[in-house]
């Protein structure tokens, strides 16, 4: 297994045709946009990629497309999670056969299995495959999460090799790094405390905002790695309005992050279509706010 990359990793959107099928050329174009923006790896087929609306064959095809288009320029970490252990193993084996260097797996969702069964779910995946496993630790989407000591246990067993800390609290990033040291690659997986998480030792930033502002997110990561706190603060200050728009200023889960990223990309000239129903495009008021934010960031071409 290859070492998981340190750096900025977008959980990329999926570009769809109007009939809901995968827009293969549009998806390839978005891969190029991200690589041109300096990202260090790409995760495909995760939450931001609307994987829950895809068939298993669609998910496999999406993995094949992105790995082919990336063509070794950056590692690709497909999302291979499913409630079923057997299907998760099937998707993980497929990703490995396609050339993925890691997979991102959220714990079994909806039925919320007992923790001891979830441990065995991950152990079974590890036993059946030979690829780095990144735990997608998302309490909102799974309904529960692993605490840092549970992560340490599975890291010591060589079951887990990376983690996306999707909660907003940088304390967990710091604690997991302390407990697991170099055995675990820790990605901060939220937008709201990106600067703080990187400054307290996150190995990377794996978050949806990177789809829309890849270069600015990479700039933030590089500035923190250099220890340039002034540049880090300046870049984060520029990003704060859109971070708050995505994460904080919402009512009844609106505006939704997938809506923001897709409509935002369309506004800056990267045509990516619309989310799949039941999600829809932003309403005019939020679209105008987003346009102004992107204009302030210098991303809208005159």
Protein backbone atom coordinates (compact mmCIF):
# COMPACT_ATOMS: atom_id res chain seq x y z
CA UNK A 1 0.00 0.00 0.00
CA UNK A 2 1.14 3.51 -0.81
CA UNK A 3 1.32 6.21 1.82
CA UNK A 4 -1.75 8.44 1.76
CA UNK A 5 -0.97 11.88 0.45
CA UNK A 6 -0.72 14.95 2.68
CA UNK A 7 -2.49 17.96 1.25
CA UNK A 8 -5.76 19.26 -0.14
CA UNK A 9 -8.23 16.63 -1.35
CA UNK A 10 -11.63 17.50 -2.85
CA UNK A 11 -14.53 15.08 -2.43
CA UNK A 12 -15.47 15.87 -5.99
CA UNK A 13 -18.91 16.57 -7.35
CA UNK A 14 -20.39 14.33 -10.02
CA UNK A 15 -21.48 16.04 -13.24
CA UNK A 16 -24.81 14.75 -14.55
CA UNK A 17 -26.67 15.07 -17.81
CA UNK A 18 -30.23 16.43 -17.74
CA UNK A 19 -31.58 12.87 -17.75
CA UNK A 20 -29.63 11.99 -14.57
CA UNK A 21 -26.94 9.92 -16.27
CA UNK A 22 -23.27 10.64 -15.63
CA UNK A 23 -21.88 13.34 -17.92
CA UNK A 24 -18.58 11.63 -18.63
CA UNK A 25 -16.95 14.52 -20.47
CA UNK A 26 -18.14 17.02 -17.86
CA UNK A 27 -16.79 14.82 -15.08
CA UNK A 28 -13.43 14.54 -16.85
CA UNK A 29 -13.35 18.31 -17.29
CA UNK A 30 -13.91 18.81 -13.56
CA UNK A 31 -11.05 16.44 -12.76
CA UNK A 32 -8.78 18.60 -14.93
CA UNK A 33 -10.06 21.76 -13.23
CA UNK A 34 -9.16 20.34 -9.82
CA UNK A 35 -5.72 19.16 -10.90
CA UNK A 36 -5.03 22.53 -12.53
CA UNK A 37 -6.03 24.08 -9.19
CA UNK A 38 -3.17 22.25 -7.49
CA UNK A 39 -5.01 19.62 -5.44
CA UNK A 40 -2.89 16.81 -4.04
CA UNK A 41 -5.42 13.98 -4.54
CA UNK A 42 -9.07 13.50 -5.51
CA UNK A 43 -11.80 11.58 -3.72
CA UNK A 44 -14.65 10.54 -6.01
CA UNK A 45 -18.09 9.14 -5.33
CA UNK A 46 -18.59 10.46 -1.82
CA UNK A 47 -21.33 12.56 -0.23
CA UNK A 48 -20.58 15.65 -2.33
CA UNK A 49 -20.62 13.36 -5.37
CA UNK A 50 -24.22 12.33 -4.53
CA UNK A 51 -23.25 8.65 -4.38
CA UNK A 52 -26.49 7.71 -2.63
CA UNK A 53 -28.37 8.55 -5.84
CA UNK A 54 -26.19 6.28 -8.00
CA UNK A 55 -26.47 2.62 -8.93
CA UNK A 56 -23.56 0.32 -8.15
CA UNK A 57 -22.65 0.27 -11.84
CA UNK A 58 -22.69 4.07 -11.94
CA UNK A 59 -20.41 4.18 -8.93
CA UNK A 60 -17.97 1.79 -10.54
CA UNK A 61 -18.02 3.71 -13.82
CA UNK A 62 -17.40 6.98 -11.99
CA UNK A 63 -14.35 5.49 -10.28
CA UNK A 64 -13.03 4.26 -13.63
CA UNK A 65 -13.56 7.66 -15.26
CA UNK A 66 -11.79 9.69 -12.61
CA UNK A 67 -8.82 7.34 -12.28
CA UNK A 68 -8.43 7.30 -16.05
CA UNK A 69 -8.59 11.10 -16.33
CA UNK A 70 -6.25 11.70 -13.39
CA UNK A 71 -3.81 9.37 -15.17
CA UNK A 72 -1.39 9.19 -12.27
CA UNK A 73 -1.08 12.97 -11.86
CA UNK A 74 -2.67 12.71 -8.40
CA UNK A 75 -3.87 9.74 -6.32
CA UNK A 76 -7.59 8.93 -6.41
CA UNK A 77 -9.51 7.80 -3.32
CA UNK A 78 -12.99 6.55 -4.30
CA UNK A 79 -15.83 6.40 -1.84
CA UNK A 80 -16.78 2.72 -1.59
CA UNK A 81 -19.16 2.73 1.36
CA UNK A 82 -22.42 0.85 1.48
CA UNK A 83 -24.51 -0.40 4.38
CA UNK A 84 -23.74 -3.95 3.22
CA UNK A 85 -20.31 -5.26 4.13
CA UNK A 86 -20.32 -7.50 1.04
CA UNK A 87 -21.13 -4.63 -1.33
CA UNK A 88 -18.56 -2.37 0.35
CA UNK A 89 -15.95 -5.08 -0.27
CA UNK A 90 -17.10 -5.43 -3.88
CA UNK A 91 -16.75 -1.68 -4.51
CA UNK A 92 -13.41 -1.55 -2.68
CA UNK A 93 -11.99 -4.44 -4.71
CA UNK A 94 -13.14 -2.72 -7.89
CA UNK A 95 -11.46 0.54 -6.85
CA UNK A 96 -8.22 -1.29 -6.12
CA UNK A 97 -8.33 -3.09 -9.48
CA UNK A 98 -8.82 0.26 -11.22
CA UNK A 99 -5.69 1.72 -9.65
CA UNK A 100 -7.04 3.63 -6.66
CA UNK A 101 -4.46 4.24 -3.92
CA UNK A 102 -6.99 4.43 -1.10
CA UNK A 103 -10.72 4.31 -0.41
CA UNK A 104 -12.97 6.50 1.70
CA UNK A 105 -15.58 4.58 3.71
CA UNK A 106 -18.32 5.95 5.95
CA UNK A 107 -19.52 3.49 8.62
CA UNK A 108 -22.73 1.57 7.83
CA UNK A 109 -25.55 4.07 7.97
CA UNK A 110 -29.32 4.22 8.51
CA UNK A 111 -29.69 1.07 10.68
CA UNK A 112 -26.82 2.19 12.95
CA UNK A 113 -25.31 -1.23 13.79
CA UNK A 114 -23.71 -1.82 17.21
CA UNK A 115 -20.16 -0.60 17.38
CA UNK A 116 -18.63 -4.09 17.70
CA UNK A 117 -20.30 -5.03 14.41
CA UNK A 118 -19.00 -1.87 12.78
CA UNK A 119 -15.45 -2.70 13.91
CA UNK A 120 -15.86 -6.09 12.23
CA UNK A 121 -17.25 -4.43 9.10
CA UNK A 122 -13.97 -2.56 8.67
CA UNK A 123 -11.89 -5.57 9.66
CA UNK A 124 -13.62 -7.62 6.96
CA UNK A 125 -12.89 -4.99 4.32
CA UNK A 126 -9.25 -4.86 5.37
CA UNK A 127 -8.95 -8.66 5.28
CA UNK A 128 -10.50 -8.87 1.80
CA UNK A 129 -8.44 -6.09 0.19
CA UNK A 130 -4.97 -4.60 0.16
CA UNK A 131 -5.62 -0.88 -0.09
CA UNK A 132 -5.42 2.02 2.36
CA UNK A 133 -8.72 2.59 4.15
CA UNK A 134 -9.76 6.12 5.10
CA UNK A 135 -12.53 6.24 7.70
CA UNK A 136 -15.13 8.87 6.85
CA UNK A 137 -16.01 9.83 10.42
CA UNK A 138 -19.26 11.71 9.89
CA UNK A 139 -21.72 11.70 12.78
CA UNK A 140 -24.40 13.55 10.80
CA UNK A 141 -24.50 11.18 7.85
CA UNK A 142 -23.80 7.89 9.64
CA UNK A 143 -25.71 8.71 12.82
CA UNK A 144 -22.68 7.96 15.01
CA UNK A 145 -18.89 8.24 14.88
CA UNK A 146 -15.71 6.66 16.23
CA UNK A 147 -14.03 8.47 19.10
CA UNK A 148 -10.24 9.02 18.93
CA UNK A 149 -9.51 5.93 21.06
CA UNK A 150 -11.58 3.69 18.78
CA UNK A 151 -9.68 5.13 15.82
CA UNK A 152 -6.42 4.35 17.63
CA UNK A 153 -7.49 0.75 18.25
CA UNK A 154 -8.26 0.09 14.57
CA UNK A 155 -5.11 1.91 13.49
CA UNK A 156 -2.99 -0.29 15.75
CA UNK A 157 -4.69 -3.32 14.13
CA UNK A 158 -3.66 -1.98 10.69
CA UNK A 159 -7.33 -1.76 9.72
CA UNK A 160 -7.46 2.03 9.25
CA UNK A 161 -4.78 4.14 7.61
CA UNK A 162 -6.48 7.52 7.29
CA UNK A 163 -9.45 9.44 8.61
CA UNK A 164 -11.66 12.23 7.36
CA UNK A 165 -12.69 14.11 10.50
CA UNK A 166 -15.99 15.49 9.23
CA UNK A 167 -17.02 17.07 12.54
CA UNK A 168 -16.07 20.71 12.97
CA UNK A 169 -13.92 20.32 16.07
CA UNK A 170 -10.14 20.56 15.54
CA UNK A 171 -9.62 18.97 19.00
CA UNK A 172 -10.32 15.56 17.49
CA UNK A 173 -7.73 16.13 14.76
CA UNK A 174 -5.13 17.02 17.36
CA UNK A 175 -6.03 14.10 19.64
CA UNK A 176 -6.03 11.49 16.86
CA UNK A 177 -2.62 12.72 15.67
CA UNK A 178 -1.34 12.47 19.24
CA UNK A 179 -2.69 8.93 19.71
CA UNK A 180 -1.82 7.48 16.29
CA UNK A 181 1.24 9.48 15.30
CA UNK A 182 2.48 8.67 11.78
CA UNK A 183 0.42 5.48 11.51
CA UNK A 184 -2.67 7.55 10.66
CA UNK A 185 -3.11 10.26 8.00
CA UNK A 186 -5.57 12.74 9.45
CA UNK A 187 -7.64 14.90 7.10
CA UNK A 188 -9.82 17.68 8.42
CA UNK A 189 -13.13 17.04 6.71
CA UNK A 190 -15.17 20.16 7.37
CA UNK A 191 -15.00 23.76 6.17
CA UNK A 192 -15.75 25.74 9.29
CA UNK A 193 -12.39 25.44 11.13
CA UNK A 194 -10.04 24.74 8.24
CA UNK A 195 -7.31 27.10 9.38
CA UNK A 196 -7.42 25.93 12.98
CA UNK A 197 -7.31 22.25 12.01
CA UNK A 198 -4.31 22.72 9.75
CA UNK A 199 -2.48 24.71 12.40
CA UNK A 200 -3.05 21.99 15.01
CA UNK A 201 -1.51 19.32 12.82
CA UNK A 202 -3.99 17.98 10.26
CA UNK A 203 -2.14 16.25 7.43
CA UNK A 204 -4.61 17.62 4.92
CA UNK A 205 -7.97 19.15 4.15
CA UNK A 206 -10.61 16.91 2.56
CA UNK A 207 -13.66 19.10 2.10
CA UNK A 208 -16.31 20.03 -0.45
CA UNK A 209 -15.32 23.68 -0.74
CA UNK A 210 -12.21 22.60 -2.64
CA UNK A 211 -14.45 21.81 -5.63
CA UNK A 212 -15.21 25.50 -5.98
CA UNK A 213 -12.03 27.20 -4.75
CA UNK A 214 -9.21 24.67 -5.23
CA UNK A 215 -6.37 27.14 -5.65
CA UNK A 216 -7.37 29.21 -2.62
CA UNK A 217 -7.62 26.09 -0.43
CA UNK A 218 -4.22 24.90 -1.64
CA UNK A 219 -2.80 28.36 -0.89
CA UNK A 220 -4.06 28.08 2.68
CA UNK A 221 -2.57 24.61 3.14
CA UNK A 222 0.80 25.64 1.72
CA UNK A 223 0.98 28.77 3.85
CA UNK A 224 0.33 26.80 7.04
CA UNK A 225 2.93 24.20 6.05
CA UNK A 226 5.49 26.97 5.61
CA UNK A 227 4.59 28.42 8.99
CA UNK A 228 3.52 31.68 7.37
CA UNK A 229 0.78 32.61 9.80
CA UNK A 230 0.20 36.04 8.28
CA UNK A 231 -0.45 34.56 4.82
CA UNK A 232 -2.61 31.81 6.35
CA UNK A 233 -4.77 34.32 8.17
CA UNK A 234 -5.09 36.50 5.08
CA UNK A 235 -6.23 33.60 2.91
CA UNK A 236 -8.63 32.32 5.58
CA UNK A 237 -10.06 35.80 6.06
CA UNK A 238 -10.89 35.90 2.35
CA UNK A 239 -12.61 32.50 2.55
CA UNK A 240 -14.64 33.16 5.71
CA UNK A 241 -17.76 34.60 3.99
CA UNK A 242 -18.20 31.59 1.72
CA UNK A 243 -17.31 29.16 4.53
CA UNK A 244 -20.08 30.68 6.64
CA UNK A 245 -22.46 30.53 3.67
CA UNK A 246 -21.77 26.81 3.29
CA UNK A 247 -21.66 25.81 6.96
CA UNK A 248 -23.26 28.36 9.25
CA UNK A 249 -25.88 30.62 7.69
CA UNK A 250 -28.44 27.92 6.89
CA UNK A 251 -32.08 27.35 7.79
CA UNK A 252 -33.66 23.90 7.40
CA UNK A 253 -30.48 22.68 5.69
CA UNK A 254 -30.74 25.42 3.05
CA UNK A 255 -28.69 26.43 1.18
CA UNK A 256 -27.36 22.90 0.74
CA UNK A 257 -23.63 22.45 0.17
CA UNK A 258 -24.08 20.51 -3.09
CA UNK A 259 -26.27 23.29 -4.45
CA UNK A 260 -23.67 25.89 -3.51
CA UNK A 261 -20.75 24.04 -5.11
CA UNK A 262 -22.54 23.24 -8.36
CA UNK A 263 -24.18 26.64 -8.79
CA UNK A 264 -20.92 28.31 -7.81
CA UNK A 265 -18.97 26.38 -10.42
CA UNK A 266 -21.55 27.31 -13.04
CA UNK A 267 -21.21 30.97 -12.04
CA UNK A 268 -17.43 30.95 -12.54
CA UNK A 269 -17.75 29.33 -15.94
CA UNK A 270 -17.13 25.70 -15.04
CA UNK A 271 -20.40 24.24 -16.29
CA UNK A 272 -21.32 21.24 -14.13
CA UNK A 273 -25.09 21.08 -14.43
CA UNK A 274 -27.47 20.64 -11.51
CA UNK A 275 -27.77 18.27 -8.54
CA UNK A 276 -29.99 15.26 -8.89
CA UNK A 277 -33.53 15.58 -7.46
CA UNK A 278 -34.67 15.97 -4.79
CA UNK A 279 -31.95 18.66 -4.65
CA UNK A 280 -32.45 21.66 -6.92
CA UNK A 281 -30.64 24.85 -7.84
CA UNK A 282 -30.36 27.79 -5.45
CA UNK A 283 -33.09 30.40 -5.31
CA UNK A 284 -32.36 33.87 -6.69
CA UNK A 285 -31.57 35.50 -3.33
CA UNK A 286 -28.92 32.91 -2.42
CA UNK A 287 -27.60 32.82 -5.98
CA UNK A 288 -27.02 36.57 -5.84
CA UNK A 289 -25.22 36.26 -2.51
CA UNK A 290 -23.01 33.50 -3.91
CA UNK A 291 -22.25 35.51 -7.03
CA UNK A 292 -21.11 38.46 -4.90
CA UNK A 293 -18.87 36.23 -2.75
CA UNK A 294 -17.23 34.65 -5.78
CA UNK A 295 -16.76 38.06 -7.35
CA UNK A 296 -15.05 39.29 -4.16
CA UNK A 297 -12.70 36.28 -4.39
CA UNK A 298 -11.85 37.23 -7.97
CA UNK A 299 -13.28 34.01 -9.39
CA UNK A 300 -15.91 35.42 -11.73
CA UNK A 301 -14.47 36.35 -15.09
CA UNK A 302 -15.42 39.75 -16.44
